[in-house]
Amino acid sequence: MNSDWLGLAMFAGAFGFLLLGYPVAFSLGGVAIFFALIGIAFDVFDPVFLSAMPQRIFGIMSNFTLLAIPYFIFLGSMLEKSGIAEKLLETMGILFGRMRGGLALAVVIVGTLLAASTGVVAATVVAMGLISLPVMLRYGYDQGLATGVIAASGTLGQIVPPSVVLVVLGDQLGISVGDLFIGSLIPGLLMASAFALHVVIVSLVKPEFAPALPQEVRNIGRKALIKDVLAVMLPPLLLILLVLGSIFFGIATPTEAGAVGCLGAIALAAANRKLNWAALKQVCESTLRITTMVMFILLGSTAFSLVFRGLNGDRLMFNILSNLPGEELGFLAISLLTVFILGFFIDFFEIAFIVIPIFLPVAKALEIDLVWFGVLIGANLQTSFLTPPFGFALFYLRGVVPSHVKTQAIYRGVIPFIIIQILVLVLIIAFPELVNFLLEFKG
């Protein structure tokens, strides 16, 4: 039996279990055990590989970078409870309400701030869907534009730092998470700016799609408005400065900055009188549940990759990916397409733990800048999570929109934003300086 193709069969088996609805961690671990036994039976798998499993597990448990994951999950969950999203959307909506498309612009700005504060897509999409969508529909916004801008702005949490996606990618690529945060800053802001520009253009071309707020709604006085803007903008900006600024200036590691961000989020919740034992319990339970899920997936993927390597599947994949037509461009096309399609079916944790270890040796052999490659994968995942019919962001939004808003309207609304994300992805590929500029400045 050819052990190389037996290794590839592992992927088909794992994907089959995932399609049947089995938990990812147990699908990966179970497939690894099954194929290890087959390999031993046919004398194509050395059992000594299994002896390395305990050492791999202890290596995972002592990984300081992965410690940042529960911090950023806690940070996002606590900010969701703090009421900061509601206040931001309300105040920014009034600030931009005199403009056509002002509410949509407010959603883009708030989505960017929440992404930079939490890095959690589900929390951002759900919060903005619950708070801003009813207001936008009440004042005559087109359903497609309203739902599209909410879903698109919510996915900014994939690439705007600090992002849990970037933490995991940094660990799997073996690069500094801080460098990945800094490198993704300009592409993330470019993506948000492109969303805002699209809203402005739609408002000019089709003003009936994005009317201004009525005078009586936004008439609160200039001084009161300035006071409200400062009151709601300064806390999240200060939190972003504490987290990203400490990383950028080398004061703290991402893990340490995440811990500081957690304290800041608790302080914001307390300031908004949202901090109580019930909220703290919910946040801790959410953090524990998601972190445990990530660790189990990591253990399952470790067993999977160990057996896959023992069956020489990694060697076959390296030979295939490193000899693609076009070399670097061919490899980028295949790797990004693979991640894009997998993003329809499985979460980014599974994608990072399963396919990144396969892509990494080839990327190193082709001398690809790994920070740039990580930003590309993050931006690509953002596009995948927004693309119909399987995009996760669409499912999150569908769960909170009113019943009279049809799924077709959501799909129609996100298409222009998908095109924008693809264009920005092409720009990042064509101009790596977008990623490297701040890193050179840091150096």
Protein backbone atom coordinates (compact mmCIF):
# COMPACT_ATOMS: atom_id res chain seq x y z
CA MET A 1 0.00 0.00 0.00
CA ASN A 2 1.26 3.50 -0.88
CA SER A 3 1.52 5.34 2.42
CA ASP A 4 1.56 8.73 0.65
CA TRP A 5 -1.94 8.28 -0.70
CA LEU A 6 -3.04 6.70 2.57
CA GLY A 7 -2.08 10.00 4.20
CA LEU A 8 -4.21 11.93 1.72
CA ALA A 9 -7.12 9.61 2.45
CA MET A 10 -7.01 10.92 6.02
CA PHE A 11 -8.26 14.29 4.78
CA ALA A 12 -11.20 12.70 3.00
CA GLY A 13 -12.07 10.76 6.14
CA ALA A 14 -11.84 13.79 8.44
CA PHE A 15 -13.87 15.94 6.03
CA GLY A 16 -16.51 13.22 5.79
CA PHE A 17 -16.93 13.12 9.57
CA LEU A 18 -17.15 16.93 9.67
CA LEU A 19 -19.93 16.90 7.04
CA LEU A 20 -21.78 14.34 9.16
CA GLY A 21 -21.70 16.79 12.06
CA TYR A 22 -19.18 15.12 14.35
CA PRO A 23 -17.15 17.46 16.60
CA VAL A 24 -13.98 18.62 14.91
CA ALA A 25 -11.57 17.62 17.67
CA PHE A 26 -12.91 14.07 17.91
CA SER A 27 -13.14 13.72 14.12
CA LEU A 28 -9.46 14.59 13.76
CA GLY A 29 -8.33 12.46 16.70
CA GLY A 30 -10.49 9.48 15.70
CA VAL A 31 -9.33 9.56 12.08
CA ALA A 32 -5.70 9.77 13.29
CA ILE A 33 -6.09 6.67 15.47
CA PHE A 34 -7.92 4.75 12.74
CA PHE A 35 -5.33 5.46 10.05
CA ALA A 36 -2.45 4.84 12.45
CA LEU A 37 -3.84 1.34 13.07
CA ILE A 38 -4.23 0.78 9.32
CA GLY A 39 -0.68 1.97 8.74
CA ILE A 40 0.67 -0.34 11.46
CA ALA A 41 -1.31 -3.28 10.05
CA PHE A 42 0.18 -2.77 6.58
CA ASP A 43 3.63 -1.96 7.96
CA VAL A 44 3.74 1.55 6.47
CA PHE A 45 3.51 3.48 9.75
CA ASP A 46 6.15 3.38 12.48
CA PRO A 47 4.46 3.24 15.93
CA VAL A 48 7.36 5.27 17.35
CA PHE A 49 5.58 8.36 15.99
CA LEU A 50 2.85 7.86 18.60
CA SER A 51 5.43 8.07 21.39
CA ALA A 52 5.96 11.73 20.44
CA MET A 53 2.34 12.59 21.23
CA PRO A 54 2.78 13.26 25.00
CA GLN A 55 5.71 15.58 24.29
CA ARG A 56 3.62 17.43 21.69
CA ILE A 57 0.78 17.86 24.20
CA PHE A 58 3.09 19.25 26.88
CA GLY A 59 4.54 21.56 24.24
CA ILE A 60 1.06 22.91 23.52
CA MET A 61 0.30 23.43 27.20
CA SER A 62 3.53 25.41 27.70
CA ASN A 63 2.98 27.63 24.63
CA PHE A 64 2.99 31.21 25.93
CA THR A 65 1.52 32.60 22.70
CA LEU A 66 -1.63 30.48 22.97
CA LEU A 67 -2.23 31.97 26.41
CA ALA A 68 -3.37 35.12 24.59
CA ILE A 69 -6.45 33.29 23.24
CA PRO A 70 -8.50 33.21 26.48
CA TYR A 71 -7.51 36.83 27.20
CA PHE A 72 -8.83 38.13 23.87
CA ILE A 73 -11.95 35.95 24.07
CA PHE A 74 -12.64 37.33 27.56
CA LEU A 75 -11.97 40.85 26.29
CA GLY A 76 -14.50 40.50 23.48
CA SER A 77 -17.15 38.86 25.66
CA MET A 78 -16.81 41.49 28.39
CA LEU A 79 -17.08 44.37 25.92
CA GLU A 80 -20.20 42.75 24.50
CA LYS A 81 -21.72 42.97 28.00
CA SER A 82 -20.50 46.53 28.64
CA GLY A 83 -23.04 48.25 26.37
CA ILE A 84 -20.29 50.09 24.52
CA ALA A 85 -21.55 48.99 21.09
CA GLU A 86 -25.02 50.38 21.72
CA LYS A 87 -23.69 53.75 22.89
CA LEU A 88 -21.24 53.99 19.99
CA LEU A 89 -23.85 53.23 17.35
CA GLU A 90 -26.40 55.62 18.86
CA THR A 91 -23.99 58.54 19.14
CA MET A 92 -22.18 57.99 15.83
CA GLY A 93 -25.53 57.61 14.10
CA ILE A 94 -26.57 61.05 15.33
CA LEU A 95 -23.16 62.52 14.44
CA PHE A 96 -23.36 61.35 10.82
CA GLY A 97 -27.15 61.40 10.64
CA ARG A 98 -27.32 64.68 8.73
CA MET A 99 -25.55 62.95 5.79
CA ARG A 100 -27.17 60.53 3.41
CA GLY A 101 -25.82 57.13 4.36
CA GLY A 102 -24.76 58.50 7.73
CA LEU A 103 -26.12 55.53 9.69
CA ALA A 104 -24.27 53.11 7.40
CA LEU A 105 -21.05 55.10 7.84
CA ALA A 106 -21.59 54.95 11.59
CA VAL A 107 -21.88 51.15 11.35
CA VAL A 108 -18.55 50.94 9.46
CA ILE A 109 -16.78 53.15 12.01
CA VAL A 110 -18.25 51.32 14.99
CA GLY A 111 -17.53 47.96 13.38
CA THR A 112 -13.88 48.98 12.98
CA LEU A 113 -13.64 50.16 16.58
CA LEU A 114 -15.30 47.01 17.90
CA ALA A 115 -13.01 44.87 15.74
CA ALA A 116 -9.99 46.68 17.14
CA SER A 117 -11.39 46.32 20.66
CA THR A 118 -12.63 42.73 20.62
CA GLY A 119 -11.42 40.88 17.54
CA VAL A 120 -14.53 38.65 17.75
CA VAL A 121 -16.71 38.50 14.62
CA ALA A 122 -19.82 36.87 16.10
CA ALA A 123 -20.12 39.43 18.91
CA THR A 124 -19.72 42.38 16.53
CA VAL A 125 -22.20 41.15 13.90
CA VAL A 126 -24.84 40.19 16.46
CA ALA A 127 -24.48 43.42 18.44
CA MET A 128 -24.75 45.68 15.38
CA GLY A 129 -27.54 43.59 13.90
CA LEU A 130 -29.62 43.89 17.05
CA ILE A 131 -28.93 47.58 17.62
CA SER A 132 -28.50 49.31 14.27
CA LEU A 133 -30.56 47.28 11.78
CA PRO A 134 -33.99 48.13 13.25
CA VAL A 135 -33.04 51.84 13.26
CA MET A 136 -31.77 51.76 9.66
CA LEU A 137 -34.90 50.00 8.43
CA ARG A 138 -37.14 52.36 10.40
CA TYR A 139 -35.69 55.39 8.60
CA GLY A 140 -36.00 53.89 5.11
CA TYR A 141 -32.67 52.24 4.40
CA ASP A 142 -32.56 49.60 1.68
CA GLN A 143 -32.56 46.14 3.26
CA GLY A 144 -29.63 44.96 1.16
CA LEU A 145 -27.41 47.93 1.98
CA ALA A 146 -28.30 47.83 5.68
CA THR A 147 -27.65 44.10 6.14
CA GLY A 148 -24.61 44.13 3.84
CA VAL A 149 -22.80 46.90 5.69
CA ILE A 150 -23.51 45.26 9.06
CA ALA A 151 -22.24 41.83 7.99
CA ALA A 152 -19.18 43.29 6.23
CA SER A 153 -18.21 45.59 9.09
CA GLY A 154 -18.63 42.73 11.54
CA THR A 155 -16.09 40.59 9.68
CA LEU A 156 -13.39 43.24 10.15
CA GLY A 157 -12.62 41.43 13.39
CA GLN A 158 -10.80 38.82 11.27
CA ILE A 159 -8.05 41.19 10.16
CA VAL A 160 -8.18 44.36 12.28
CA PRO A 161 -5.92 43.72 15.30
CA PRO A 162 -6.13 42.48 17.97
CA SER A 163 -7.77 39.47 16.36
CA VAL A 164 -7.98 35.96 17.78
CA VAL A 165 -7.51 34.76 14.19
CA LEU A 166 -4.16 36.54 14.01
CA VAL A 167 -3.08 35.11 17.37
CA VAL A 168 -3.68 31.56 16.15
CA LEU A 169 -2.12 32.25 12.75
CA GLY A 170 0.96 33.75 14.38
CA ASP A 171 1.40 30.67 16.53
CA GLN A 172 0.91 28.22 13.65
CA LEU A 173 3.20 30.17 11.30
CA GLY A 174 5.88 30.45 13.99
CA ILE A 175 6.07 34.25 13.75
CA SER A 176 5.60 37.10 16.21
CA VAL A 177 1.91 37.77 16.87
CA GLY A 178 2.88 41.40 17.51
CA ASP A 179 4.39 41.65 14.02
CA LEU A 180 1.24 40.12 12.57
CA PHE A 181 -0.89 42.67 14.45
CA ILE A 182 1.21 45.55 13.15
CA GLY A 183 1.33 44.17 9.60
CA SER A 184 -2.45 43.77 9.43
CA LEU A 185 -3.22 47.29 10.67
CA ILE A 186 -2.97 49.13 7.33
CA PRO A 187 -4.80 46.40 5.33
CA GLY A 188 -7.57 46.35 7.96
CA LEU A 189 -8.00 50.12 7.87
CA LEU A 190 -7.86 50.04 4.07
CA MET A 191 -10.68 47.50 4.06
CA ALA A 192 -12.78 49.65 6.41
CA SER A 193 -12.09 52.77 4.31
CA ALA A 194 -13.17 50.94 1.16
CA PHE A 195 -16.44 49.96 2.87
CA ALA A 196 -17.04 53.58 3.85
CA LEU A 197 -16.29 54.79 0.30
CA HIS A 198 -18.80 52.30 -1.08
CA VAL A 199 -21.47 53.63 1.28
CA VAL A 200 -20.75 57.21 0.19
CA ILE A 201 -20.97 56.27 -3.51
CA VAL A 202 -24.25 54.37 -3.06
CA SER A 203 -25.68 57.32 -1.11
CA LEU A 204 -24.83 59.66 -4.00
CA VAL A 205 -25.98 57.37 -6.81
CA LYS A 206 -29.10 56.02 -5.11
CA PRO A 207 -30.03 58.51 -2.36
CA GLU A 208 -33.30 56.68 -1.68
CA PHE A 209 -31.28 53.69 -0.42
CA ALA A 210 -29.70 55.66 2.44
CA PRO A 211 -31.72 58.70 3.58
CA ALA A 212 -30.53 61.16 6.20
CA LEU A 213 -32.05 61.06 9.67
CA PRO A 214 -34.98 63.41 10.31
CA GLN A 215 -34.06 66.74 11.89
CA GLU A 216 -35.94 66.02 15.12
CA VAL A 217 -33.94 62.83 15.72
CA ARG A 218 -30.49 64.44 15.43
CA ASN A 219 -31.28 67.81 16.96
CA ILE A 220 -29.57 67.49 20.35
CA GLY A 221 -27.32 70.55 20.23
CA ARG A 222 -23.69 70.87 19.19
CA LYS A 223 -22.20 70.93 22.69
CA ALA A 224 -24.19 67.93 23.85
CA LEU A 225 -23.24 66.01 20.70
CA ILE A 226 -19.52 66.77 21.13
CA LYS A 227 -19.72 65.71 24.77
CA ASP A 228 -21.45 62.44 23.83
CA VAL A 229 -18.94 61.70 21.04
CA LEU A 230 -16.00 62.20 23.36
CA ALA A 231 -17.66 60.14 26.10
CA VAL A 232 -18.26 57.12 23.85
CA MET A 233 -15.13 57.37 21.65
CA LEU A 234 -12.41 57.92 24.23
CA PRO A 235 -12.87 54.68 26.25
CA PRO A 236 -12.55 52.24 23.31
CA LEU A 237 -9.75 54.33 21.77
CA LEU A 238 -7.91 54.24 25.08
CA LEU A 239 -8.40 50.48 25.25
CA ILE A 240 -7.05 50.09 21.70
CA LEU A 241 -4.06 52.25 22.61
CA LEU A 242 -3.39 50.13 25.70
CA VAL A 243 -3.54 46.86 23.74
CA LEU A 244 -2.04 47.72 20.35
CA GLY A 245 0.17 50.58 21.51
CA SER A 246 1.89 48.45 24.13
CA ILE A 247 2.59 45.80 21.47
CA PHE A 248 3.70 48.30 18.81
CA PHE A 249 6.15 50.06 21.10
CA GLY A 250 7.49 46.79 22.52
CA ILE A 251 6.22 47.45 26.03
CA ALA A 252 4.26 44.19 26.25
CA THR A 253 3.81 40.91 24.42
CA PRO A 254 0.38 40.17 22.87
CA THR A 255 -0.39 37.88 25.81
CA GLU A 256 0.45 40.59 28.34
CA ALA A 257 -1.42 43.21 26.30
CA GLY A 258 -4.46 40.91 26.21
CA ALA A 259 -4.40 40.71 30.01
CA VAL A 260 -4.29 44.51 30.22
CA GLY A 261 -7.16 44.68 27.73
CA CYS A 262 -9.24 42.39 29.95
CA LEU A 263 -8.77 44.76 32.89
CA GLY A 264 -9.73 47.67 30.62
CA ALA A 265 -12.88 45.87 29.46
CA ILE A 266 -13.88 45.16 33.07
CA ALA A 267 -13.33 48.85 33.88
CA LEU A 268 -15.51 49.92 30.92
CA ALA A 269 -18.28 47.54 31.98
CA ALA A 270 -18.10 48.92 35.52
CA ALA A 271 -18.18 52.51 34.24
CA ASN A 272 -21.31 51.71 32.22
CA ARG A 273 -22.86 49.99 35.27
CA LYS A 274 -23.01 46.67 33.42
CA LEU A 275 -20.59 44.81 35.66
CA ASN A 276 -22.25 42.33 38.01
CA TRP A 277 -21.73 38.75 39.12
CA ALA A 278 -24.20 37.39 36.56
CA ALA A 279 -22.43 39.14 33.66
CA LEU A 280 -19.00 38.12 34.93
CA LYS A 281 -20.14 34.51 35.26
CA GLN A 282 -21.49 34.49 31.69
CA VAL A 283 -18.26 35.99 30.31
CA CYS A 284 -16.10 33.49 32.20
CA GLU A 285 -18.24 30.55 31.07
CA SER A 286 -18.08 31.75 27.46
CA THR A 287 -14.31 32.16 27.67
CA LEU A 288 -13.87 28.72 29.25
CA ARG A 289 -16.12 27.04 26.69
CA ILE A 290 -14.42 28.56 23.62
CA THR A 291 -10.89 28.14 25.00
CA THR A 292 -11.56 24.48 25.86
CA MET A 293 -12.93 23.92 22.37
CA VAL A 294 -9.77 25.45 20.87
CA MET A 295 -7.49 23.30 23.02
CA PHE A 296 -9.35 20.09 22.15
CA ILE A 297 -9.18 20.98 18.45
CA LEU A 298 -5.47 21.64 18.82
CA LEU A 299 -4.93 18.27 20.49
CA GLY A 300 -6.94 16.50 17.78
CA SER A 301 -5.09 18.32 14.99
CA THR A 302 -1.75 17.48 16.64
CA ALA A 303 -2.58 13.77 16.56
CA PHE A 304 -3.81 14.14 12.98
CA SER A 305 -0.64 15.91 11.77
CA LEU A 306 1.59 13.39 13.59
CA VAL A 307 0.00 10.39 11.88
CA PHE A 308 -0.19 12.29 8.58
CA ARG A 309 3.55 12.89 8.77
CA GLY A 310 4.19 9.25 9.70
CA LEU A 311 2.33 8.21 6.55
CA ASN A 312 4.51 10.58 4.48
CA GLY A 313 1.51 12.68 3.55
CA ASP A 314 3.43 15.86 4.35
CA ARG A 315 6.15 14.92 1.85
CA LEU A 316 3.59 14.30 -0.90
CA MET A 317 1.81 17.60 -0.20
CA PHE A 318 5.12 19.45 -0.20
CA ASN A 319 6.04 17.97 -3.59
CA ILE A 320 2.64 18.86 -5.03
CA LEU A 321 2.45 22.41 -3.67
CA SER A 322 6.08 23.31 -4.35
CA ASN A 323 5.88 22.22 -8.00
CA LEU A 324 2.73 24.05 -8.99
CA PRO A 325 2.78 26.14 -12.19
CA GLY A 326 3.69 29.74 -11.42
CA GLU A 327 5.68 28.79 -8.29
CA GLU A 328 4.86 31.49 -5.69
CA LEU A 329 1.71 32.75 -7.43
CA GLY A 330 0.52 29.22 -8.07
CA PHE A 331 1.06 28.28 -4.43
CA LEU A 332 -0.72 31.44 -3.24
CA ALA A 333 -3.67 30.76 -5.53
CA ILE A 334 -4.10 27.16 -4.34
CA SER A 335 -3.55 27.94 -0.64
CA LEU A 336 -5.92 30.92 -0.63
CA LEU A 337 -8.56 29.01 -2.60
CA THR A 338 -8.31 26.09 -0.18
CA VAL A 339 -8.69 28.34 2.86
CA PHE A 340 -11.56 30.21 1.17
CA ILE A 341 -13.52 27.02 0.48
CA LEU A 342 -12.83 25.52 3.91
CA GLY A 343 -14.10 28.77 5.44
CA PHE A 344 -17.58 27.80 4.21
CA PHE A 345 -17.67 24.67 6.32
CA ILE A 346 -15.35 24.93 9.32
CA ASP A 347 -14.24 27.66 11.70
CA PHE A 348 -10.89 29.44 11.49
CA PHE A 349 -9.46 27.46 14.43
CA GLU A 350 -9.84 24.21 12.51
CA ILE A 351 -8.45 25.78 9.32
CA ALA A 352 -5.40 27.15 11.12
CA PHE A 353 -4.61 23.91 12.94
CA ILE A 354 -5.19 21.59 9.94
CA VAL A 355 -3.96 23.29 6.76
CA ILE A 356 -1.44 25.92 7.92
CA PRO A 357 1.11 23.25 9.02
CA ILE A 358 0.86 21.83 5.49
CA PHE A 359 1.32 25.19 3.77
CA LEU A 360 4.10 26.43 6.07
CA PRO A 361 7.03 24.28 4.78
CA VAL A 362 6.21 25.21 1.19
CA ALA A 363 5.93 28.92 2.04
CA LYS A 364 9.34 28.75 3.73
CA ALA A 365 10.86 26.88 0.77
CA LEU A 366 9.53 29.55 -1.62
CA GLU A 367 10.92 32.24 0.75
CA ILE A 368 7.51 33.88 1.17
CA ASP A 369 7.27 36.58 3.84
CA LEU A 370 5.27 34.77 6.53
CA VAL A 371 3.82 37.96 8.07
CA TRP A 372 2.51 38.97 4.64
CA PHE A 373 1.23 35.41 4.09
CA GLY A 374 -0.56 35.48 7.46
CA VAL A 375 -2.29 38.79 6.64
CA LEU A 376 -3.37 37.35 3.28
CA ILE A 377 -4.92 34.33 4.98
CA GLY A 378 -6.71 36.58 7.50
CA ALA A 379 -8.14 38.79 4.74
CA ASN A 380 -9.08 35.71 2.74
CA LEU A 381 -10.94 34.20 5.70
CA GLN A 382 -12.79 37.49 6.13
CA THR A 383 -14.03 37.21 2.54
CA SER A 384 -14.97 33.56 2.99
CA PHE A 385 -17.00 34.25 6.13
CA LEU A 386 -19.02 36.85 4.18
CA THR A 387 -19.66 34.83 1.00
CA PRO A 388 -23.09 33.22 0.37
CA PRO A 389 -24.50 30.73 0.92
CA PHE A 390 -22.34 29.41 3.78
CA GLY A 391 -20.62 32.49 5.24
CA PHE A 392 -20.61 32.39 9.04
CA ALA A 393 -21.28 36.14 9.31
CA LEU A 394 -24.47 35.66 7.27
CA PHE A 395 -25.68 32.99 9.70
CA TYR A 396 -24.96 35.23 12.67
CA LEU A 397 -26.90 38.11 11.08
CA ARG A 398 -29.76 35.91 9.87
CA GLY A 399 -30.30 34.85 13.47
CA VAL A 400 -31.04 38.39 14.69
CA VAL A 401 -32.71 40.17 11.74
CA PRO A 402 -36.50 40.70 11.71
CA SER A 403 -38.54 38.02 9.95
CA HIS A 404 -39.61 40.38 7.15
CA VAL A 405 -35.98 40.76 6.01
CA LYS A 406 -35.43 37.98 3.49
CA THR A 407 -32.26 35.95 3.20
CA GLN A 408 -32.05 37.01 -0.45
CA ALA A 409 -31.78 40.64 0.67
CA ILE A 410 -28.83 39.76 2.92
CA TYR A 411 -27.09 37.88 0.09
CA ARG A 412 -27.73 40.76 -2.33
CA GLY A 413 -26.39 43.27 0.18
CA VAL A 414 -23.07 41.54 0.84
CA ILE A 415 -22.07 41.00 -2.80
CA PRO A 416 -20.61 44.55 -3.31
CA PHE A 417 -18.63 44.18 -0.08
CA ILE A 418 -17.28 40.79 -1.19
CA ILE A 419 -16.04 42.41 -4.40
CA ILE A 420 -14.40 45.17 -2.33
CA GLN A 421 -12.69 42.60 -0.10
CA ILE A 422 -11.37 40.71 -3.12
CA LEU A 423 -10.01 43.96 -4.59
CA VAL A 424 -8.26 44.77 -1.32
CA LEU A 425 -6.87 41.21 -1.19
CA VAL A 426 -5.46 41.71 -4.70
CA LEU A 427 -3.91 45.01 -3.56
CA ILE A 428 -2.23 43.28 -0.61
CA ILE A 429 -0.81 40.65 -2.99
CA ALA A 430 0.35 43.27 -5.49
CA PHE A 431 1.77 45.66 -2.89
CA PRO A 432 3.35 43.80 0.06
CA GLU A 433 4.44 47.23 1.34
CA LEU A 434 0.92 47.62 2.74
CA VAL A 435 1.89 44.95 5.28
CA ASN A 436 5.58 45.74 5.70
CA PHE A 437 5.51 49.54 5.99
CA LEU A 438 4.77 49.80 9.72
CA LEU A 439 7.08 46.85 10.43
CA GLU A 440 9.95 48.75 8.77
CA PHE A 441 9.01 51.80 10.78
CA LYS A 442 9.04 49.69 13.94
CA GLY A 443 12.44 48.28 13.01
